[in-house]
C-alpha cells in the first residue's frame, strides 16, 4: 500500500513523477516506488512505468521523513529542501540510488 508520496517536476522522459513510500501491514515489507507517466508523442499515446524497489532501512527512513516533512508534497513545483532531497535521491529517471537492483518489483493497482 502507498502510505506517502511526493510529486516531482517533469524531466526529459516523464511528464509526471511520483516517489512513493510503500508498506505492507501483513508482512511488514517496506520499500519505495517510482511512478512515471509520459504523454509525449502521438495525441493518444501514453506510457506509464510503476516500479518498486527494496531499499536499505536508512534510505527508506530518509525518503519517508523527507516526504512527510514537505509542506506541500502534491506541488511538483515546491522548492522546500525536502522536495529537493527526494529529487536528488533519483539518479536517472526511475533509477533510485540505494536500491537493490536484484529486488525490483512491478507495482500493481490495488483491487
PDB file of N, CA and C in Angstrom:
ATOM      1  N   UNK A   1       0.841  -1.162   0.000  1.00  0.00           N
ATOM      2  CA  UNK A   1       0.000   0.000   0.000  1.00  0.00           C
ATOM      3  C   UNK A   1       0.892   1.233   0.000  1.00  0.00           C
ATOM      4  N   UNK A   2       0.526   2.243  -0.782  1.00  0.00           N
ATOM      5  CA  UNK A   2       1.238   3.518  -0.796  1.00  0.00           C
ATOM      6  C   UNK A   2       0.800   4.295   0.446  1.00  0.00           C
ATOM      7  N   UNK A   3       1.753   4.610   1.312  1.00  0.00           N
ATOM      8  CA  UNK A   3       1.427   5.309   2.559  1.00  0.00           C
ATOM      9  C   UNK A   3       1.828   6.771   2.541  1.00  0.00           C
ATOM     10  N   UNK A   4       2.647   7.176   1.588  1.00  0.00           N
ATOM     11  CA  UNK A   4       3.031   8.582   1.420  1.00  0.00           C
ATOM     12  C   UNK A   4       3.596   8.741   0.022  1.00  0.00           C
ATOM     13  N   UNK A   5       3.472   9.928  -0.545  1.00  0.00           N
ATOM     14  CA  UNK A   5       4.043  10.176  -1.862  1.00  0.00           C
ATOM     15  C   UNK A   5       4.372  11.646  -2.013  1.00  0.00           C
ATOM     16  N   UNK A   6       5.261  11.911  -2.975  1.00  0.00           N
ATOM     17  CA  UNK A   6       5.636  13.280  -3.298  1.00  0.00           C
ATOM     18  C   UNK A   6       5.731  13.373  -4.812  1.00  0.00           C
ATOM     19  N   UNK A   7       5.226  14.461  -5.379  1.00  0.00           N
ATOM     20  CA  UNK A   7       5.269  14.667  -6.824  1.00  0.00           C
ATOM     21  C   UNK A   7       6.479  15.520  -7.160  1.00  0.00           C
ATOM     22  N   UNK A   8       7.192  15.104  -8.217  1.00  0.00           N
ATOM     23  CA  UNK A   8       8.378  15.817  -8.666  1.00  0.00           C
ATOM     24  C   UNK A   8       8.122  16.465 -10.024  1.00  0.00           C
ATOM     25  N   UNK A   9       8.930  17.467 -10.384  1.00  0.00           N
ATOM     26  CA  UNK A   9       8.735  18.111 -11.686  1.00  0.00           C
ATOM     27  C   UNK A   9       9.031  17.163 -12.847  1.00  0.00           C
ATOM     28  N   UNK A  10       8.505  17.466 -14.028  1.00  0.00           N
ATOM     29  CA  UNK A  10       8.783  16.638 -15.203  1.00  0.00           C
ATOM     30  C   UNK A  10      10.278  16.634 -15.504  1.00  0.00           C
ATOM     31  N   UNK A  11      10.718  15.582 -16.191  1.00  0.00           N
ATOM     32  CA  UNK A  11      12.107  15.522 -16.631  1.00  0.00           C
ATOM     33  C   UNK A  11      12.126  15.239 -18.133  1.00  0.00           C
ATOM     34  N   UNK A  12      13.249  14.838 -18.655  1.00  0.00           N
ATOM     35  CA  UNK A  12      13.367  14.585 -20.088  1.00  0.00           C
ATOM     36  C   UNK A  12      12.567  13.402 -20.584  1.00  0.00           C
ATOM     37  N   UNK A  13      12.087  12.549 -19.678  1.00  0.00           N
ATOM     38  CA  UNK A  13      11.335  11.356 -20.056  1.00  0.00           C
ATOM     39  C   UNK A  13       9.879  11.428 -19.644  1.00  0.00           C
ATOM     40  N   UNK A  14       9.621  11.910 -18.438  1.00  0.00           N
ATOM     41  CA  UNK A  14       8.271  11.805 -17.863  1.00  0.00           C
ATOM     42  C   UNK A  14       7.622  13.156 -17.613  1.00  0.00           C
ATOM     43  N   UNK A  15       6.311  13.191 -17.853  1.00  0.00           N
ATOM     44  CA  UNK A  15       5.539  14.394 -17.563  1.00  0.00           C
ATOM     45  C   UNK A  15       5.106  14.440 -16.104  1.00  0.00           C
ATOM     46  N   UNK A  16       4.914  13.271 -15.520  1.00  0.00           N
ATOM     47  CA  UNK A  16       4.527  13.173 -14.115  1.00  0.00           C
ATOM     48  C   UNK A  16       5.415  12.143 -13.436  1.00  0.00           C
ATOM     49  N   UNK A  17       5.930  12.505 -12.252  1.00  0.00           N
ATOM     50  CA  UNK A  17       6.787  11.601 -11.484  1.00  0.00           C
ATOM     51  C   UNK A  17       6.347  11.647 -10.028  1.00  0.00           C
ATOM     52  N   UNK A  18       6.083  10.488  -9.467  1.00  0.00           N
ATOM     53  CA  UNK A  18       5.786  10.368  -8.042  1.00  0.00           C
ATOM     54  C   UNK A  18       6.778   9.409  -7.409  1.00  0.00           C
ATOM     55  N   UNK A  19       7.313   9.795  -6.272  1.00  0.00           N
ATOM     56  CA  UNK A  19       8.098   8.881  -5.454  1.00  0.00           C
ATOM     57  C   UNK A  19       7.187   8.479  -4.306  1.00  0.00           C
ATOM     58  N   UNK A  20       7.022   7.186  -4.113  1.00  0.00           N
ATOM     59  CA  UNK A  20       6.037   6.675  -3.154  1.00  0.00           C
ATOM     60  C   UNK A  20       6.696   5.817  -2.079  1.00  0.00           C
ATOM     61  N   UNK A  21       6.200   5.946  -0.887  1.00  0.00           N
ATOM     62  CA  UNK A  21       6.566   5.057   0.207  1.00  0.00           C
ATOM     63  C   UNK A  21       5.534   3.934   0.197  1.00  0.00           C
ATOM     64  N   UNK A  22       6.002   2.683   0.136  1.00  0.00           N
ATOM     65  CA  UNK A  22       5.088   1.539   0.118  1.00  0.00           C
ATOM     66  C   UNK A  22       5.363   0.653   1.325  1.00  0.00           C
ATOM     67  N   UNK A  23       4.286   0.246   1.973  1.00  0.00           N
ATOM     68  CA  UNK A  23       4.388  -0.579   3.171  1.00  0.00           C
ATOM     69  C   UNK A  23       3.264  -1.605   3.168  1.00  0.00           C
ATOM     70  N   UNK A  24       3.570  -2.818   3.611  1.00  0.00           N
ATOM     71  CA  UNK A  24       2.578  -3.880   3.725  1.00  0.00           C
ATOM     72  C   UNK A  24       2.318  -4.138   5.204  1.00  0.00           C
ATOM     73  N   UNK A  25       1.076  -3.979   5.611  1.00  0.00           N
ATOM     74  CA  UNK A  25       0.742  -4.228   7.018  1.00  0.00           C
ATOM     75  C   UNK A  25       0.729  -5.722   7.337  1.00  0.00           C
ATOM     76  N   UNK A  26       0.575  -6.559   6.326  1.00  0.00           N
ATOM     77  CA  UNK A  26       0.534  -8.007   6.547  1.00  0.00           C
ATOM     78  C   UNK A  26       1.901  -8.611   6.795  1.00  0.00           C
ATOM     79  N   UNK A  27       2.863  -8.274   5.938  1.00  0.00           N
ATOM     80  CA  UNK A  27       4.187  -8.898   6.061  1.00  0.00           C
ATOM     81  C   UNK A  27       5.258  -7.929   6.550  1.00  0.00           C
ATOM     82  N   UNK A  28       4.884  -6.706   6.768  1.00  0.00           N
ATOM     83  CA  UNK A  28       5.794  -5.661   7.266  1.00  0.00           C
ATOM     84  C   UNK A  28       6.862  -5.242   6.258  1.00  0.00           C
ATOM     85  N   UNK A  29       6.678  -5.577   4.974  1.00  0.00           N
ATOM     86  CA  UNK A  29       7.602  -5.123   3.950  1.00  0.00           C
ATOM     87  C   UNK A  29       7.517  -3.608   3.827  1.00  0.00           C
ATOM     88  N   UNK A  30       8.675  -2.973   3.608  1.00  0.00           N
ATOM     89  CA  UNK A  30       8.728  -1.532   3.372  1.00  0.00           C
ATOM     90  C   UNK A  30       9.679  -1.270   2.219  1.00  0.00           C
ATOM     91  N   UNK A  31       9.254  -0.404   1.311  1.00  0.00           N
ATOM     92  CA  UNK A  31      10.082  -0.094   0.154  1.00  0.00           C
ATOM     93  C   UNK A  31       9.705   1.254  -0.423  1.00  0.00           C
ATOM     94  N   UNK A  32      10.223   1.506  -1.597  1.00  0.00           N
ATOM     95  CA  UNK A  32       9.991   2.771  -2.296  1.00  0.00           C
ATOM     96  C   UNK A  32       9.580   2.427  -3.720  1.00  0.00           C
ATOM     97  N   UNK A  33       8.662   3.204  -4.276  1.00  0.00           N
ATOM     98  CA  UNK A  33       8.248   3.011  -5.665  1.00  0.00           C
ATOM     99  C   UNK A  33       8.362   4.335  -6.410  1.00  0.00           C
ATOM    100  N   UNK A  34       8.560   4.229  -7.714  1.00  0.00           N
ATOM    101  CA  UNK A  34       8.575   5.397  -8.586  1.00  0.00           C
ATOM    102  C   UNK A  34       7.516   5.157  -9.648  1.00  0.00           C
ATOM    103  N   UNK A  35       6.597   6.117  -9.761  1.00  0.00           N
ATOM    104  CA  UNK A  35       5.503   6.038 -10.719  1.00  0.00           C
ATOM    105  C   UNK A  35       5.699   7.165 -11.721  1.00  0.00           C
ATOM    106  N   UNK A  36       5.912   6.807 -12.986  1.00  0.00           N
ATOM    107  CA  UNK A  36       6.154   7.800 -14.027  1.00  0.00           C
ATOM    108  C   UNK A  36       5.114   7.669 -15.127  1.00  0.00           C
ATOM    109  N   UNK A  37       4.757   8.818 -15.705  1.00  0.00           N
ATOM    110  CA  UNK A  37       3.806   8.837 -16.803  1.00  0.00           C
ATOM    111  C   UNK A  37       4.282   9.834 -17.842  1.00  0.00           C
ATOM    112  N   UNK A  38       4.298   9.406 -19.096  1.00  0.00           N
ATOM    113  CA  UNK A  38       4.693  10.267 -20.195  1.00  0.00           C
ATOM    114  C   UNK A  38       3.586  10.288 -21.234  1.00  0.00           C
ATOM    115  N   UNK A  39       3.247  11.470 -21.668  1.00  0.00           N
ATOM    116  CA  UNK A  39       2.230  11.621 -22.711  1.00  0.00           C
ATOM    117  C   UNK A  39       2.845  12.269 -23.950  1.00  0.00           C
ATOM    118  N   UNK A  40       4.098  12.013 -24.184  1.00  0.00           N
ATOM    119  CA  UNK A  40       4.798  12.600 -25.327  1.00  0.00           C
ATOM    120  C   UNK A  40       4.603  11.709 -26.541  1.00  0.00           C
ATOM    121  N   UNK A  41       4.577  12.314 -27.698  1.00  0.00           N
ATOM    122  CA  UNK A  41       4.372  11.549 -28.928  1.00  0.00           C
ATOM    123  C   UNK A  41       2.974  11.817 -29.468  1.00  0.00           C
ATOM    124  N   UNK A  42       2.358  10.793 -30.053  1.00  0.00           N
ATOM    125  CA  UNK A  42       1.025  10.929 -30.641  1.00  0.00           C
ATOM    126  C   UNK A  42       0.014  11.325 -29.568  1.00  0.00           C
ATOM    127  N   UNK A  43      -1.033  12.009 -29.988  1.00  0.00           N
ATOM    128  CA  UNK A  43      -2.037  12.506 -29.038  1.00  0.00           C
ATOM    129  C   UNK A  43      -2.656  11.410 -28.186  1.00  0.00           C
ATOM    130  N   UNK A  44      -2.788  10.213 -28.746  1.00  0.00           N
ATOM    131  CA  UNK A  44      -3.429   9.139 -27.987  1.00  0.00           C
ATOM    132  C   UNK A  44      -2.412   8.205 -27.322  1.00  0.00           C
ATOM    133  N   UNK A  45      -1.141   8.595 -27.317  1.00  0.00           N
ATOM    134  CA  UNK A  45      -0.145   7.716 -26.716  1.00  0.00           C
ATOM    135  C   UNK A  45       0.135   8.115 -25.273  1.00  0.00           C
ATOM    136  N   UNK A  46       0.348   7.118 -24.475  1.00  0.00           N
ATOM    137  CA  UNK A  46       0.667   7.335 -23.071  1.00  0.00           C
ATOM    138  C   UNK A  46       1.540   6.170 -22.626  1.00  0.00           C
ATOM    139  N   UNK A  47       2.575   6.481 -21.896  1.00  0.00           N
ATOM    140  CA  UNK A  47       3.481   5.444 -21.415  1.00  0.00           C
ATOM    141  C   UNK A  47       3.590   5.597 -19.904  1.00  0.00           C
ATOM    142  N   UNK A  48       3.348   4.517 -19.190  1.00  0.00           N
ATOM    143  CA  UNK A  48       3.468   4.555 -17.739  1.00  0.00           C
ATOM    144  C   UNK A  48       4.473   3.509 -17.280  1.00  0.00           C
ATOM    145  N   UNK A  49       5.101   3.811 -16.175  1.00  0.00           N
ATOM    146  CA  UNK A  49       6.056   2.887 -15.579  1.00  0.00           C
ATOM    147  C   UNK A  49       5.932   3.045 -14.069  1.00  0.00           C
ATOM    148  N   UNK A  50       5.653   1.943 -13.384  1.00  0.00           N
ATOM    149  CA  UNK A  50       5.464   1.962 -11.924  1.00  0.00           C
ATOM    150  C   UNK A  50       6.283   0.805 -11.366  1.00  0.00           C
ATOM    151  N   UNK A  51       7.414   1.135 -10.759  1.00  0.00           N
ATOM    152  CA  UNK A  51       8.364   0.123 -10.305  1.00  0.00           C
ATOM    153  C   UNK A  51       8.647   0.331  -8.821  1.00  0.00           C
ATOM    154  N   UNK A  52       8.677  -0.775  -8.079  1.00  0.00           N
ATOM    155  CA  UNK A  52       9.016  -0.730  -6.665  1.00  0.00           C
ATOM    156  C   UNK A  52      10.428  -1.234  -6.445  1.00  0.00           C
ATOM    157  N   UNK A  53      11.026  -0.803  -5.348  1.00  0.00           N
ATOM    158  CA  UNK A  53      12.402  -1.168  -5.029  1.00  0.00           C
ATOM    159  C   UNK A  53      12.531  -1.507  -3.558  1.00  0.00           C
ATOM    160  N   UNK A  54      13.320  -2.522  -3.278  1.00  0.00           N
ATOM    161  CA  UNK A  54      13.781  -2.756  -1.907  1.00  0.00           C
ATOM    162  C   UNK A  54      14.923  -1.780  -1.691  1.00  0.00           C
ATOM    163  N   UNK A  55      14.916  -1.078  -0.591  1.00  0.00           N
ATOM    164  CA  UNK A  55      15.981  -0.136  -0.275  1.00  0.00           C
ATOM    165  C   UNK A  55      16.485  -0.421   1.130  1.00  0.00           C
ATOM    166  N   UNK A  56      17.609   0.154   1.462  1.00  0.00           N
ATOM    167  CA  UNK A  56      18.126  -0.016   2.813  1.00  0.00           C
ATOM    168  C   UNK A  56      17.180   0.666   3.794  1.00  0.00           C
ATOM    169  N   UNK A  57      17.238   0.251   5.034  1.00  0.00           N
ATOM    170  CA  UNK A  57      16.408   0.870   6.064  1.00  0.00           C
ATOM    171  C   UNK A  57      16.720   2.360   6.176  1.00  0.00           C
ATOM    172  N   UNK A  58      17.988   2.700   6.066  1.00  0.00           N
ATOM    173  CA  UNK A  58      18.398   4.109   6.152  1.00  0.00           C
ATOM    174  C   UNK A  58      17.805   4.933   5.014  1.00  0.00           C
ATOM    175  N   UNK A  59      17.864   4.409   3.779  1.00  0.00           N
ATOM    176  CA  UNK A  59      17.299   5.123   2.628  1.00  0.00           C
ATOM    177  C   UNK A  59      15.774   5.243   2.766  1.00  0.00           C
ATOM    178  N   UNK A  60      15.136   4.170   3.221  1.00  0.00           N
ATOM    179  CA  UNK A  60      13.691   4.198   3.420  1.00  0.00           C
ATOM    180  C   UNK A  60      13.307   5.301   4.414  1.00  0.00           C
ATOM    181  N   UNK A  61      13.955   5.306   5.559  1.00  0.00           N
ATOM    182  CA  UNK A  61      13.643   6.292   6.603  1.00  0.00           C
ATOM    183  C   UNK A  61      13.901   7.713   6.110  1.00  0.00           C
ATOM    184  N   UNK A  62      14.990   7.908   5.401  1.00  0.00           N
ATOM    185  CA  UNK A  62      15.348   9.235   4.898  1.00  0.00           C
ATOM    186  C   UNK A  62      14.293   9.760   3.922  1.00  0.00           C
ATOM    187  N   UNK A  63      13.895   8.912   2.967  1.00  0.00           N
ATOM    188  CA  UNK A  63      12.890   9.332   1.986  1.00  0.00           C
ATOM    189  C   UNK A  63      11.522   9.530   2.638  1.00  0.00           C
ATOM    190  N   UNK A  64      11.141   8.615   3.507  1.00  0.00           N
ATOM    191  CA  UNK A  64       9.842   8.747   4.177  1.00  0.00           C
ATOM    192  C   UNK A  64       9.781  10.031   4.998  1.00  0.00           C
ATOM    193  N   UNK A  65      10.837  10.313   5.743  1.00  0.00           N
ATOM    194  CA  UNK A  65      10.859  11.524   6.564  1.00  0.00           C
ATOM    195  C   UNK A  65      10.809  12.787   5.706  1.00  0.00           C
ATOM    196  N   UNK A  66      11.540  12.792   4.596  1.00  0.00           N
ATOM    197  CA  UNK A  66      11.531  13.952   3.711  1.00  0.00           C
ATOM    198  C   UNK A  66      10.140  14.179   3.134  1.00  0.00           C
ATOM    199  N   UNK A  67       9.486  13.108   2.694  1.00  0.00           N
ATOM    200  CA  UNK A  67       8.148  13.240   2.118  1.00  0.00           C
ATOM    201  C   UNK A  67       7.158  13.747   3.170  1.00  0.00           C
ATOM    202  N   UNK A  68       7.237  13.229   4.369  1.00  0.00           N
ATOM    203  CA  UNK A  68       6.302  13.642   5.419  1.00  0.00           C
ATOM    204  C   UNK A  68       6.560  15.063   5.906  1.00  0.00           C
ATOM    205  N   UNK A  69       7.778  15.561   5.777  1.00  0.00           N
ATOM    206  CA  UNK A  69       8.093  16.918   6.228  1.00  0.00           C
ATOM    207  C   UNK A  69       7.791  17.991   5.195  1.00  0.00           C
ATOM    208  N   UNK A  70       7.623  17.604   3.943  1.00  0.00           N
ATOM    209  CA  UNK A  70       7.326  18.581   2.901  1.00  0.00           C
ATOM    210  C   UNK A  70       5.985  19.244   3.196  1.00  0.00           C
ATOM    211  N   UNK A  71       5.928  20.583   3.145  1.00  0.00           N
ATOM    212  CA  UNK A  71       4.666  21.262   3.425  1.00  0.00           C
ATOM    213  C   UNK A  71       3.601  21.071   2.340  1.00  0.00           C
ATOM    214  N   UNK A  72       4.008  20.696   1.125  1.00  0.00           N
ATOM    215  CA  UNK A  72       3.061  20.566   0.017  1.00  0.00           C
ATOM    216  C   UNK A  72       3.522  19.470  -0.950  1.00  0.00           C
ATOM    217  N   UNK A  73       3.451  18.190  -0.544  1.00  0.00           N
ATOM    218  CA  UNK A  73       4.003  17.116  -1.382  1.00  0.00           C
ATOM    219  C   UNK A  73       3.314  16.945  -2.740  1.00  0.00           C
ATOM    220  N   UNK A  74       2.096  17.439  -2.903  1.00  0.00           N
ATOM    221  CA  UNK A  74       1.403  17.319  -4.188  1.00  0.00           C
ATOM    222  C   UNK A  74       1.812  18.418  -5.164  1.00  0.00           C
ATOM    223  N   UNK A  75       2.572  19.394  -4.697  1.00  0.00           N
ATOM    224  CA  UNK A  75       3.006  20.504  -5.542  1.00  0.00           C
ATOM    225  C   UNK A  75       4.377  20.190  -6.134  1.00  0.00           C
ATOM    226  N   UNK A  76       4.396  19.779  -7.406  1.00  0.00           N
ATOM    227  CA  UNK A  76       5.675  19.399  -8.024  1.00  0.00           C
ATOM    228  C   UNK A  76       6.624  20.576  -8.186  1.00  0.00           C
ATOM    229  N   UNK A  77       6.131  21.805  -7.995  1.00  0.00           N
ATOM    230  CA  UNK A  77       6.990  22.984  -8.079  1.00  0.00           C
ATOM    231  C   UNK A  77       7.489  23.459  -6.725  1.00  0.00           C
ATOM    232  N   UNK A  78       7.180  22.718  -5.674  1.00  0.00           N
ATOM    233  CA  UNK A  78       7.596  23.100  -4.322  1.00  0.00           C
ATOM    234  C   UNK A  78       9.120  23.193  -4.261  1.00  0.00           C
ATOM    235  N   UNK A  79       9.624  24.238  -3.637  1.00  0.00           N
ATOM    236  CA  UNK A  79      11.072  24.469  -3.557  1.00  0.00           C
ATOM    237  C   UNK A  79      11.643  24.147  -2.179  1.00  0.00           C
ATOM    238  N   UNK A  80      10.878  23.459  -1.337  1.00  0.00           N
ATOM    239  CA  UNK A  80      11.360  23.179   0.013  1.00  0.00           C
ATOM    240  C   UNK A  80      12.558  22.230  -0.044  1.00  0.00           C
ATOM    241  N   UNK A  81      13.389  22.219   0.999  1.00  0.00           N
ATOM    242  CA  UNK A  81      14.564  21.333   0.993  1.00  0.00           C
ATOM    243  C   UNK A  81      14.196  19.849   0.964  1.00  0.00           C
ATOM    244  N   UNK A  82      13.001  19.505   1.438  1.00  0.00           N
ATOM    245  CA  UNK A  82      12.587  18.101   1.455  1.00  0.00           C
ATOM    246  C   UNK A  82      12.266  17.627   0.042  1.00  0.00           C
ATOM    247  N   UNK A  83      11.588  18.474  -0.743  1.00  0.00           N
ATOM    248  CA  UNK A  83      11.313  18.149  -2.140  1.00  0.00           C
ATOM    249  C   UNK A  83      12.643  17.963  -2.878  1.00  0.00           C
ATOM    250  N   UNK A  84      13.570  18.859  -2.629  1.00  0.00           N
ATOM    251  CA  UNK A  84      14.869  18.793  -3.300  1.00  0.00           C
ATOM    252  C   UNK A  84      15.641  17.538  -2.919  1.00  0.00           C
ATOM    253  N   UNK A  85      15.562  17.124  -1.655  1.00  0.00           N
ATOM    254  CA  UNK A  85      16.292  15.922  -1.244  1.00  0.00           C
ATOM    255  C   UNK A  85      15.712  14.671  -1.885  1.00  0.00           C
ATOM    256  N   UNK A  86      14.389  14.603  -2.050  1.00  0.00           N
ATOM    257  CA  UNK A  86      13.789  13.441  -2.718  1.00  0.00           C
ATOM    258  C   UNK A  86      14.174  13.445  -4.192  1.00  0.00           C
ATOM    259  N   UNK A  87      14.142  14.614  -4.825  1.00  0.00           N
ATOM    260  CA  UNK A  87      14.539  14.699  -6.235  1.00  0.00           C
ATOM    261  C   UNK A  87      15.988  14.267  -6.411  1.00  0.00           C
ATOM    262  N   UNK A  88      16.856  14.615  -5.490  1.00  0.00           N
ATOM    263  CA  UNK A  88      18.256  14.228  -5.576  1.00  0.00           C
ATOM    264  C   UNK A  88      18.444  12.727  -5.356  1.00  0.00           C
ATOM    265  N   UNK A  89      17.511  12.083  -4.683  1.00  0.00           N
ATOM    266  CA  UNK A  89      17.606  10.633  -4.463  1.00  0.00           C
ATOM    267  C   UNK A  89      17.419   9.858  -5.762  1.00  0.00           C
ATOM    268  N   UNK A  90      16.854  10.500  -6.769  1.00  0.00           N
ATOM    269  CA  UNK A  90      16.694   9.853  -8.075  1.00  0.00           C
ATOM    270  C   UNK A  90      17.914  10.191  -8.923  1.00  0.00           C
ATOM    271  N   UNK A  91      18.621   9.194  -9.360  1.00  0.00           N
ATOM    272  CA  UNK A  91      19.832   9.433 -10.145  1.00  0.00           C
ATOM    273  C   UNK A  91      19.485   9.731 -11.601  1.00  0.00           C
ATOM    274  N   UNK A  92      18.802   8.800 -12.267  1.00  0.00           N
ATOM    275  CA  UNK A  92      18.408   8.982 -13.662  1.00  0.00           C
ATOM    276  C   UNK A  92      16.993   8.463 -13.816  1.00  0.00           C
ATOM    277  N   UNK A  93      16.022   9.373 -13.848  1.00  0.00           N
ATOM    278  CA  UNK A  93      14.637   8.945 -14.019  1.00  0.00           C
ATOM    279  C   UNK A  93      14.215   8.030 -12.894  1.00  0.00           C
ATOM    280  N   UNK A  94      13.899   6.776 -13.202  1.00  0.00           N
ATOM    281  CA  UNK A  94      13.385   5.846 -12.200  1.00  0.00           C
ATOM    282  C   UNK A  94      14.477   5.216 -11.354  1.00  0.00           C
ATOM    283  N   UNK A  95      15.755   5.377 -11.712  1.00  0.00           N
ATOM    284  CA  UNK A  95      16.812   4.636 -11.037  1.00  0.00           C
ATOM    285  C   UNK A  95      17.105   5.243  -9.674  1.00  0.00           C
ATOM    286  N   UNK A  96      16.678   4.592  -8.661  1.00  0.00           N
ATOM    287  CA  UNK A  96      16.774   5.090  -7.299  1.00  0.00           C
ATOM    288  C   UNK A  96      18.102   4.700  -6.679  1.00  0.00           C
ATOM    289  N   UNK A  97      18.862   5.693  -6.271  1.00  0.00           N
ATOM    290  CA  UNK A  97      20.137   5.404  -5.598  1.00  0.00           C
ATOM    291  C   UNK A  97      19.848   4.647  -4.317  1.00  0.00           C
ATOM    292  N   UNK A  98      20.660   3.683  -4.022  1.00  0.00           N
ATOM    293  CA  UNK A  98      20.494   2.882  -2.818  1.00  0.00           C
ATOM    294  C   UNK A  98      19.581   1.685  -3.022  1.00  0.00           C
ATOM    295  N   UNK A  99      18.949   1.592  -4.168  1.00  0.00           N
ATOM    296  CA  UNK A  99      18.031   0.481  -4.414  1.00  0.00           C
ATOM    297  C   UNK A  99      18.806  -0.803  -4.699  1.00  0.00           C
ATOM    298  N   UNK A 100      18.243  -1.906  -4.304  1.00  0.00           N
ATOM    299  CA  UNK A 100      18.816  -3.212  -4.594  1.00  0.00           C
ATOM    300  C   UNK A 100      18.239  -3.658  -5.939  1.00  0.00           C
ATOM    301  N   UNK A 101      19.034  -3.575  -7.011  1.00  0.00           N
ATOM    302  CA  UNK A 101      18.536  -3.811  -8.354  1.00  0.00           C
ATOM    303  C   UNK A 101      18.094  -5.242  -8.589  1.00  0.00           C
ATOM    304  N   UNK A 102      18.564  -6.175  -7.789  1.00  0.00           N
ATOM    305  CA  UNK A 102      18.099  -7.552  -7.938  1.00  0.00           C
ATOM    306  C   UNK A 102      16.705  -7.715  -7.344  1.00  0.00           C
ATOM    307  N   UNK A 103      16.255  -6.740  -6.621  1.00  0.00           N
ATOM    308  CA  UNK A 103      14.954  -6.832  -5.948  1.00  0.00           C
ATOM    309  C   UNK A 103      14.023  -5.703  -6.360  1.00  0.00           C
ATOM    310  N   UNK A 104      13.862  -5.566  -7.652  1.00  0.00           N
ATOM    311  CA  UNK A 104      12.855  -4.646  -8.194  1.00  0.00           C
ATOM    312  C   UNK A 104      11.552  -5.416  -8.263  1.00  0.00           C
ATOM    313  N   UNK A 105      10.461  -4.719  -8.201  1.00  0.00           N
ATOM    314  CA  UNK A 105       9.182  -5.393  -8.365  1.00  0.00           C
ATOM    315  C   UNK A 105       8.198  -4.470  -9.059  1.00  0.00           C
ATOM    316  N   UNK A 106       7.313  -5.080  -9.787  1.00  0.00           N
ATOM    317  CA  UNK A 106       6.287  -4.328 -10.513  1.00  0.00           C
ATOM    318  C   UNK A 106       5.179  -3.957  -9.554  1.00  0.00           C
ATOM    319  N   UNK A 107       4.765  -2.715  -9.617  1.00  0.00           N
ATOM    320  CA  UNK A 107       3.654  -2.252  -8.796  1.00  0.00           C
ATOM    321  C   UNK A 107       2.356  -2.513  -9.559  1.00  0.00           C
ATOM    322  N   UNK A 108       1.400  -3.090  -8.890  1.00  0.00           N
ATOM    323  CA  UNK A 108       0.098  -3.385  -9.480  1.00  0.00           C
ATOM    324  C   UNK A 108      -0.965  -2.551  -8.789  1.00  0.00           C
ATOM    325  N   UNK A 109      -2.002  -2.141  -9.517  1.00  0.00           N
ATOM    326  CA  UNK A 109      -3.094  -1.399  -8.873  1.00  0.00           C
ATOM    327  C   UNK A 109      -3.754  -2.229  -7.776  1.00  0.00           C
ATOM    328  N   UNK A 110      -4.132  -1.581  -6.706  1.00  0.00           N
ATOM    329  CA  UNK A 110      -4.836  -2.277  -5.624  1.00  0.00           C
ATOM    330  C   UNK A 110      -6.224  -2.682  -6.101  1.00  0.00           C
ATOM    331  N   UNK A 111      -6.673  -3.809  -5.640  1.00  0.00           N
ATOM    332  CA  UNK A 111      -8.021  -4.290  -6.022  1.00  0.00           C
ATOM    333  C   UNK A 111      -9.081  -3.667  -5.154  1.00  0.00           C
TER     334      UNK A 111
END
